[in-house]
Amino acid sequence: MEDTCVRTGSAAYSKKAVYYPLFVRLEEAIRNGDFSPGEMIATENALARSEGLSRSSARKAVAMLIREGLVERRAGKGVFVREASAVTCRVKIIVPNLEDYLQIQVAQGAQDFGGQRGVEVHIYDARRNIEMDLNIIKRLPTDFADGAIISRLHYDNRFAEALCQLKQANYPFVLVDSDLREINVNSIVSDNYQGGYAVGQELVRLGHRRVGVLGNMQIAETSRQRLEGFRDAIGDAGLPFDRSLVKELATDATRSDWRELECRCTREVMALPDPPTALFYSSDNPAAHSYLELKKMGLRIGHDVSVVGFDDSPIASLLDPPLASVRQPVTEMGQIAMEMLLSQLASPQSETQHRVLPVELISRASLGPPQKT
């Protein structure tokens, strides 16, 4: 069967769409050099008349060309071939903490994708300061940037309220690592539920029946989704889920307290009369911090106790033994977030998108069957 779809970035379009031939004709003409960089092609009204299309259809063809980085709209003038050095738009990437692996990779993916399309990118690090983060977000509608990519780490009602205000102001933005469906904004996340489910399935397959789960489930929806996936995998295997083995890592701990909190929770769960044979951490950093604590207790990781993390950050493969972890496509998240934002800028009335990307459990030596007693 003939393929009837074409992809530009993360978006798919039907070849049967009435505006698709116009897109193809202009794309070929621009790539063949029929138009010079900076040259005006036409107005959207003129394109619509020449092709016998509605202006809305002509606008969709132009939006595809914009996403390909081939043209730019100039208000009140028309559609122009983008010059190689031209800045098509300015985008702010707002991250809560650039020390975090996920945030770095998301920003890099967005910057690389945008750079190929003439996007001038400005990255702002809130340094885990919720007040700084909120101030940056609230200033966006009056700032120089045409749109923003906002990565979520703060689980605070004020953060959601600030995003509501952005939406009410019709300011273009994409939310990364959260979906906030209640306010229906463009968003992209990894499949956290499926990641937790995969961990549960693998641990059950290996023979584990008592598993400790450590994460910041109280305030982080991503961690809650990972726990829910893990819990359902245990239930689907016909096994009971022991809630007493779940330990909360994120309370009101300050940054300097996090590592001690992580180690204390690890000690507590492993000091139970019937300790777990495996530990599932909601991210790699607390899993890495637990290594020294477990070794102090005389436990061999991967033998006496299995350890699994989430993110598959670089530290996972450097630990001894290497840490099994759920890999998130974080660079791709950034690329798609930028593509979604450019799509929103090109077609402000387009439907809101919610993207969920697949994850993969990477098995390493920290994961093994429980020891027979």
Protein backbone atom coordinates (compact mmCIF):
# COMPACT_ATOMS: atom_id res chain seq x y z
CA MET A 1 0.00 0.00 0.00
CA GLU A 2 1.35 3.42 -0.92
CA ASP A 3 2.49 5.52 2.03
CA THR A 4 0.01 8.36 2.39
CA CYS A 5 1.82 10.30 5.13
CA VAL A 6 4.90 12.47 5.31
CA ARG A 7 6.71 13.64 8.44
CA THR A 8 8.29 17.00 9.19
CA GLY A 9 10.02 16.91 12.56
CA SER A 10 7.58 15.20 14.94
CA ALA A 11 4.46 16.04 12.93
CA ALA A 12 2.79 13.81 10.35
CA TYR A 13 0.77 15.06 7.37
CA SER A 14 -1.39 13.28 4.85
CA LYS A 15 -0.19 13.38 1.26
CA LYS A 16 -3.85 13.58 0.34
CA ALA A 17 -4.27 16.92 2.11
CA VAL A 18 -5.29 19.67 -0.33
CA TYR A 19 -2.35 21.85 0.72
CA TYR A 20 0.31 19.12 0.40
CA PRO A 21 1.05 19.72 -3.36
CA LEU A 22 1.73 23.39 -2.61
CA PHE A 23 4.16 22.41 0.14
CA VAL A 24 5.97 19.98 -2.19
CA ARG A 25 6.19 22.50 -5.05
CA LEU A 26 7.60 25.27 -2.88
CA GLU A 27 9.96 22.95 -1.01
CA GLU A 28 11.45 21.67 -4.28
CA ALA A 29 11.73 25.19 -5.69
CA ILE A 30 13.53 26.49 -2.60
CA ARG A 31 15.90 23.51 -2.36
CA ASN A 32 16.66 23.76 -6.08
CA GLY A 33 17.59 27.42 -5.70
CA ASP A 34 14.69 28.84 -7.71
CA PHE A 35 14.32 31.42 -4.92
CA SER A 36 17.26 33.25 -3.40
CA PRO A 37 17.77 33.53 0.37
CA GLY A 38 15.76 36.48 1.61
CA GLU A 39 13.59 36.59 -1.52
CA MET A 40 9.84 37.02 -1.11
CA ILE A 41 7.82 34.08 -2.44
CA ALA A 42 4.34 35.55 -2.13
CA THR A 43 1.69 36.49 0.37
CA GLU A 44 -0.46 33.69 1.76
CA ASN A 45 -3.48 35.24 0.01
CA ALA A 46 -1.63 35.15 -3.30
CA LEU A 47 -0.58 31.55 -2.77
CA ALA A 48 -4.18 30.62 -1.97
CA ARG A 49 -5.47 32.29 -5.14
CA SER A 50 -2.79 30.79 -7.40
CA GLU A 51 -3.44 27.27 -6.10
CA GLY A 52 -7.21 27.56 -5.81
CA LEU A 53 -7.03 26.98 -2.05
CA SER A 54 -8.49 28.62 1.00
CA ARG A 55 -6.15 30.90 2.92
CA SER A 56 -6.28 28.42 5.81
CA SER A 57 -4.95 25.64 3.54
CA ALA A 58 -2.22 27.87 2.11
CA ARG A 59 -1.26 28.79 5.68
CA LYS A 60 -0.88 25.10 6.57
CA ALA A 61 1.50 24.57 3.64
CA VAL A 62 3.54 27.58 4.78
CA ALA A 63 3.56 26.24 8.36
CA MET A 64 5.14 23.01 7.08
CA LEU A 65 7.81 25.01 5.26
CA ILE A 66 8.50 27.00 8.43
CA ARG A 67 8.94 23.78 10.42
CA GLU A 68 11.42 22.64 7.78
CA GLY A 69 13.37 25.86 8.36
CA LEU A 70 12.93 26.95 4.74
CA VAL A 71 10.82 30.09 5.03
CA GLU A 72 9.71 32.74 7.49
CA ARG A 73 6.61 34.89 7.74
CA ARG A 74 7.10 38.64 7.89
CA ALA A 75 4.08 40.38 9.33
CA GLY A 76 2.27 42.54 6.80
CA LYS A 77 4.67 41.58 4.00
CA GLY A 78 4.50 37.91 3.07
CA VAL A 79 6.44 34.65 3.01
CA PHE A 80 10.21 34.90 2.49
CA VAL A 81 12.94 32.31 1.94
CA ARG A 82 14.91 32.14 5.16
CA GLU A 83 18.45 33.38 4.95
CA ALA A 84 21.08 31.02 6.32
CA SER A 85 22.03 33.40 9.09
CA ALA A 86 18.54 34.77 9.72
CA VAL A 87 16.99 34.51 13.16
CA THR A 88 13.50 33.10 12.63
CA CYS A 89 12.44 33.52 16.26
CA ARG A 90 13.75 33.75 19.82
CA VAL A 91 12.99 31.04 22.36
CA LYS A 92 13.63 30.83 26.07
CA ILE A 93 14.37 27.44 27.60
CA ILE A 94 13.63 27.62 31.32
CA VAL A 95 15.09 24.82 33.44
CA PRO A 96 14.93 24.50 37.23
CA ASN A 97 18.44 23.12 37.60
CA LEU A 98 21.16 22.68 34.97
CA GLU A 99 23.03 20.28 37.26
CA ASP A 100 20.32 17.73 36.49
CA TYR A 101 21.17 15.34 33.62
CA LEU A 102 17.64 15.33 32.20
CA GLN A 103 17.50 19.13 32.10
CA ILE A 104 20.88 19.40 30.36
CA GLN A 105 19.92 16.89 27.66
CA VAL A 106 16.49 18.39 27.08
CA ALA A 107 18.01 21.86 26.67
CA GLN A 108 20.71 20.52 24.34
CA GLY A 109 18.20 18.66 22.17
CA ALA A 110 15.99 21.74 21.88
CA GLN A 111 18.94 24.00 21.14
CA ASP A 112 20.33 21.70 18.44
CA PHE A 113 16.95 21.33 16.72
CA GLY A 114 16.23 25.03 16.92
CA GLY A 115 19.69 26.06 15.76
CA GLN A 116 19.15 24.26 12.46
CA ARG A 117 16.06 26.36 11.89
CA GLY A 118 17.40 29.78 12.76
CA VAL A 119 16.07 29.85 16.31
CA GLU A 120 17.97 32.05 18.75
CA VAL A 121 17.93 30.11 22.02
CA HIS A 122 18.36 31.56 25.52
CA ILE A 123 18.68 29.13 28.42
CA TYR A 124 17.73 30.21 31.94
CA ASP A 125 18.71 28.16 34.99
CA ALA A 126 16.49 28.80 38.04
CA ARG A 127 19.00 26.93 40.26
CA ARG A 128 16.23 25.11 42.11
CA ASN A 129 14.87 28.46 43.28
CA ILE A 130 11.09 28.43 42.90
CA GLU A 131 10.85 32.23 43.26
CA MET A 132 13.38 32.80 40.46
CA ASP A 133 11.59 30.26 38.27
CA LEU A 134 8.20 31.91 38.82
CA ASN A 135 9.56 35.40 38.12
CA ILE A 136 11.05 34.29 34.81
CA ILE A 137 7.79 32.60 33.77
CA LYS A 138 5.60 35.58 34.76
CA ARG A 139 7.75 38.00 32.73
CA LEU A 140 7.55 35.97 29.52
CA PRO A 141 4.57 37.76 27.89
CA THR A 142 6.39 41.11 28.08
CA ASP A 143 9.87 39.75 27.35
CA PHE A 144 11.73 39.54 24.05
CA ALA A 145 11.21 35.81 23.47
CA ASP A 146 8.55 34.64 21.00
CA GLY A 147 7.90 31.46 22.95
CA ALA A 148 9.28 29.24 25.69
CA ILE A 149 10.09 25.65 26.60
CA ILE A 150 9.53 25.16 30.32
CA SER A 151 10.91 22.14 32.14
CA ARG A 152 9.14 21.26 35.35
CA LEU A 153 10.80 20.29 38.60
CA HIS A 154 8.87 22.39 41.11
CA TYR A 155 5.61 20.76 42.21
CA ASP A 156 4.07 23.88 43.67
CA ASN A 157 0.56 25.26 43.09
CA ARG A 158 2.11 28.60 42.20
CA PHE A 159 3.93 26.98 39.28
CA ALA A 160 0.64 25.69 37.83
CA GLU A 161 -0.98 29.09 38.40
CA ALA A 162 1.86 30.82 36.52
CA LEU A 163 1.33 28.48 33.57
CA CYS A 164 -2.41 29.18 33.65
CA GLN A 165 -1.64 32.88 33.36
CA LEU A 166 0.64 32.22 30.37
CA LYS A 167 -2.11 30.26 28.65
CA GLN A 168 -4.66 33.01 29.34
CA ALA A 169 -2.24 35.50 27.80
CA ASN A 170 -2.03 33.28 24.68
CA TYR A 171 1.73 33.04 25.12
CA PRO A 172 3.21 30.08 23.17
CA PHE A 173 5.01 27.53 25.33
CA VAL A 174 5.64 23.80 25.72
CA LEU A 175 5.88 22.04 29.07
CA VAL A 176 8.51 19.30 29.42
CA ASP A 177 8.45 16.40 31.90
CA SER A 178 4.87 17.09 32.95
CA ASP A 179 1.51 17.32 31.21
CA LEU A 180 -0.82 19.34 33.51
CA ARG A 181 -3.83 18.16 31.54
CA GLU A 182 -6.11 20.23 33.77
CA ILE A 183 -5.01 23.39 31.93
CA ASN A 184 -4.51 21.71 28.54
CA VAL A 185 -1.13 23.04 27.41
CA ASN A 186 1.33 21.60 24.90
CA SER A 187 3.44 19.04 26.73
CA ILE A 188 5.89 16.20 26.32
CA VAL A 189 6.81 13.49 28.82
CA SER A 190 8.41 10.07 28.94
CA ASP A 191 6.18 7.08 29.61
CA ASN A 192 6.88 6.99 33.35
CA TYR A 193 4.12 4.50 34.04
CA GLN A 194 5.47 2.02 31.49
CA GLY A 195 8.99 2.47 32.90
CA GLY A 196 7.80 1.50 36.37
CA TYR A 197 5.82 -1.39 34.91
CA ALA A 198 8.90 -2.71 33.08
CA VAL A 199 10.91 -2.63 36.32
CA GLY A 200 8.18 -4.55 38.15
CA GLN A 201 7.93 -7.15 35.40
CA GLU A 202 11.70 -7.75 35.32
CA LEU A 203 12.05 -8.03 39.09
CA VAL A 204 9.18 -10.51 39.23
CA ARG A 205 10.73 -12.51 36.39
CA LEU A 206 14.00 -12.70 38.31
CA GLY A 207 12.18 -14.01 41.36
CA HIS A 208 11.96 -10.96 43.63
CA ARG A 209 8.89 -10.83 45.84
CA ARG A 210 9.81 -8.04 48.29
CA VAL A 211 10.93 -4.82 46.62
CA GLY A 212 11.58 -1.46 48.27
CA VAL A 213 10.48 1.60 46.27
CA LEU A 214 12.16 4.91 47.14
CA GLY A 215 11.17 8.21 45.52
CA ASN A 216 9.52 11.60 45.89
CA MET A 217 6.00 10.34 45.26
CA GLN A 218 4.29 12.93 47.47
CA ILE A 219 5.13 15.89 45.26
CA ALA A 220 6.38 14.53 41.90
CA GLU A 221 3.77 13.19 39.50
CA THR A 222 6.49 11.48 37.44
CA SER A 223 7.58 9.48 40.49
CA ARG A 224 3.96 8.66 41.31
CA GLN A 225 3.44 7.35 37.79
CA ARG A 226 6.54 5.17 38.10
CA LEU A 227 5.24 3.77 41.38
CA GLU A 228 1.82 3.14 39.85
CA GLY A 229 3.35 1.24 36.93
CA PHE A 230 5.49 -0.83 39.28
CA ARG A 231 2.52 -1.58 41.55
CA ASP A 232 0.35 -2.68 38.62
CA ALA A 233 3.07 -4.99 37.32
CA ILE A 234 3.24 -6.65 40.72
CA GLY A 235 -0.56 -6.96 40.84
CA ASP A 236 -0.76 -8.32 37.28
CA ALA A 237 1.70 -11.03 38.32
CA GLY A 238 -0.76 -12.09 41.02
CA LEU A 239 1.47 -10.91 43.86
CA PRO A 240 0.61 -8.66 46.82
CA PHE A 241 1.99 -5.13 46.86
CA ASP A 242 3.51 -4.24 50.24
CA ARG A 243 3.00 -0.51 50.78
CA SER A 244 5.24 -0.60 53.88
CA LEU A 245 8.23 -1.03 51.55
CA VAL A 246 7.59 2.37 49.89
CA LYS A 247 9.80 5.15 51.26
CA GLU A 248 9.29 8.84 50.58
CA LEU A 249 12.49 10.74 49.65
CA ALA A 250 11.22 14.27 49.03
CA THR A 251 9.74 16.01 52.03
CA ASP A 252 10.89 19.40 53.23
CA ALA A 253 14.55 18.40 53.02
CA THR A 254 16.96 21.11 51.94
CA ARG A 255 19.47 20.49 49.19
CA SER A 256 22.23 19.67 51.70
CA ASP A 257 19.93 17.14 53.41
CA TRP A 258 18.95 15.15 50.33
CA ARG A 259 21.83 12.70 50.36
CA GLU A 260 21.42 11.97 54.09
CA LEU A 261 17.68 11.52 53.60
CA GLU A 262 18.27 9.08 50.76
CA CYS A 263 20.79 7.09 52.80
CA ARG A 264 18.55 7.10 55.87
CA CYS A 265 15.58 5.75 53.92
CA THR A 266 17.80 3.05 52.44
CA ARG A 267 19.01 2.03 55.91
CA GLU A 268 15.49 1.97 57.29
CA VAL A 269 14.03 -0.26 54.60
CA MET A 270 16.99 -2.65 54.67
CA ALA A 271 16.84 -2.86 58.49
CA LEU A 272 13.34 -4.36 58.44
CA PRO A 273 12.99 -7.86 59.96
CA ASP A 274 12.19 -9.15 56.46
CA PRO A 275 14.16 -6.77 54.21
CA PRO A 276 13.53 -6.42 50.49
CA THR A 277 15.73 -8.29 48.03
CA ALA A 278 15.62 -5.39 45.54
CA LEU A 279 15.39 -1.59 45.64
CA PHE A 280 13.77 0.56 42.94
CA TYR A 281 14.71 4.26 43.09
CA SER A 282 12.68 6.85 41.19
CA SER A 283 15.88 8.36 39.72
CA ASP A 284 19.56 7.50 39.37
CA ASN A 285 21.05 9.97 41.86
CA PRO A 286 19.51 8.49 45.03
CA ALA A 287 20.28 5.01 43.69
CA ALA A 288 23.93 6.03 43.31
CA HIS A 289 23.99 7.52 46.81
CA SER A 290 22.63 4.25 48.19
CA TYR A 291 25.59 2.25 46.89
CA LEU A 292 27.98 3.33 49.64
CA GLU A 293 25.32 2.84 52.30
CA LEU A 294 24.51 -0.68 51.11
CA LYS A 295 28.19 -1.60 50.98
CA LYS A 296 28.65 -0.27 54.53
CA MET A 297 25.95 -2.75 55.54
CA GLY A 298 28.01 -5.55 54.01
CA LEU A 299 25.63 -6.11 51.10
CA ARG A 300 26.83 -7.04 47.62
CA ILE A 301 24.84 -5.08 45.04
CA GLY A 302 23.49 -7.36 42.33
CA HIS A 303 23.82 -10.39 44.65
CA ASP A 304 22.48 -9.72 48.14
CA VAL A 305 20.29 -6.88 46.92
CA SER A 306 19.41 -5.68 43.42
CA VAL A 307 19.22 -1.94 42.67
CA VAL A 308 17.37 -0.25 39.80
CA GLY A 309 17.27 3.48 38.97
CA PHE A 310 15.45 5.70 36.48
CA ASP A 311 16.85 8.08 33.80
CA ASP A 312 19.93 6.10 32.68
CA SER A 313 22.13 9.12 33.35
CA PRO A 314 25.91 8.82 32.66
CA ILE A 315 26.59 7.92 36.29
CA ALA A 316 24.65 4.65 35.86
CA SER A 317 27.29 2.97 33.72
CA LEU A 318 30.17 4.35 35.84
CA LEU A 319 29.06 2.85 39.16
CA ASP A 320 30.48 -0.41 40.50
CA PRO A 321 28.58 -2.50 39.63
CA PRO A 322 26.92 -0.62 36.76
CA LEU A 323 23.38 0.44 37.64
CA ALA A 324 20.34 -0.98 35.86
CA SER A 325 18.10 1.93 34.93
CA VAL A 326 15.14 3.01 32.80
CA ARG A 327 16.38 5.06 29.87
CA GLN A 328 14.42 8.18 28.94
CA PRO A 329 14.86 9.67 25.43
CA VAL A 330 15.77 13.04 26.94
CA THR A 331 17.54 14.57 23.93
CA GLU A 332 14.60 13.61 21.74
CA MET A 333 12.27 15.20 24.28
CA GLY A 334 14.07 18.51 23.78
CA GLN A 335 14.01 18.20 20.00
CA ILE A 336 10.31 17.45 19.89
CA ALA A 337 9.55 20.19 22.42
CA MET A 338 11.22 22.71 20.10
CA GLU A 339 9.41 21.31 17.06
CA MET A 340 6.09 21.53 18.92
CA LEU A 341 6.80 25.14 19.89
CA LEU A 342 7.72 26.11 16.31
CA SER A 343 4.51 24.45 15.15
CA GLN A 344 2.56 26.48 17.69
CA LEU A 345 4.27 29.70 16.59
CA ALA A 346 3.53 28.93 12.93
CA SER A 347 -0.10 27.94 13.57
CA PRO A 348 -1.33 29.59 16.80
CA GLN A 349 -4.81 28.03 16.48
CA SER A 350 -3.54 24.47 16.08
CA GLU A 351 -4.72 21.76 18.48
CA THR A 352 -2.91 21.24 21.76
CA GLN A 353 -0.49 18.32 21.66
CA HIS A 354 0.38 15.88 24.47
CA ARG A 355 3.30 13.62 23.54
CA VAL A 356 4.39 10.55 25.51
CA LEU A 357 7.71 8.98 24.49
CA PRO A 358 8.62 5.32 25.08
CA VAL A 359 11.26 4.30 27.62
CA GLU A 360 13.53 1.26 27.90
CA LEU A 361 14.82 -0.72 30.86
CA ILE A 362 18.60 -1.13 30.58
CA SER A 363 19.69 -4.20 32.54
CA ARG A 364 23.13 -4.09 34.13
CA ALA A 365 25.07 -5.92 36.84
CA SER A 366 23.22 -4.24 39.73
CA LEU A 367 20.23 -6.42 38.80
CA GLY A 368 20.11 -10.13 39.54
CA PRO A 369 17.99 -12.88 41.07
CA PRO A 370 17.52 -12.95 44.86
CA GLN A 371 19.85 -15.15 46.90
CA LYS A 372 18.33 -18.41 48.12
CA THR A 373 18.13 -18.71 51.90
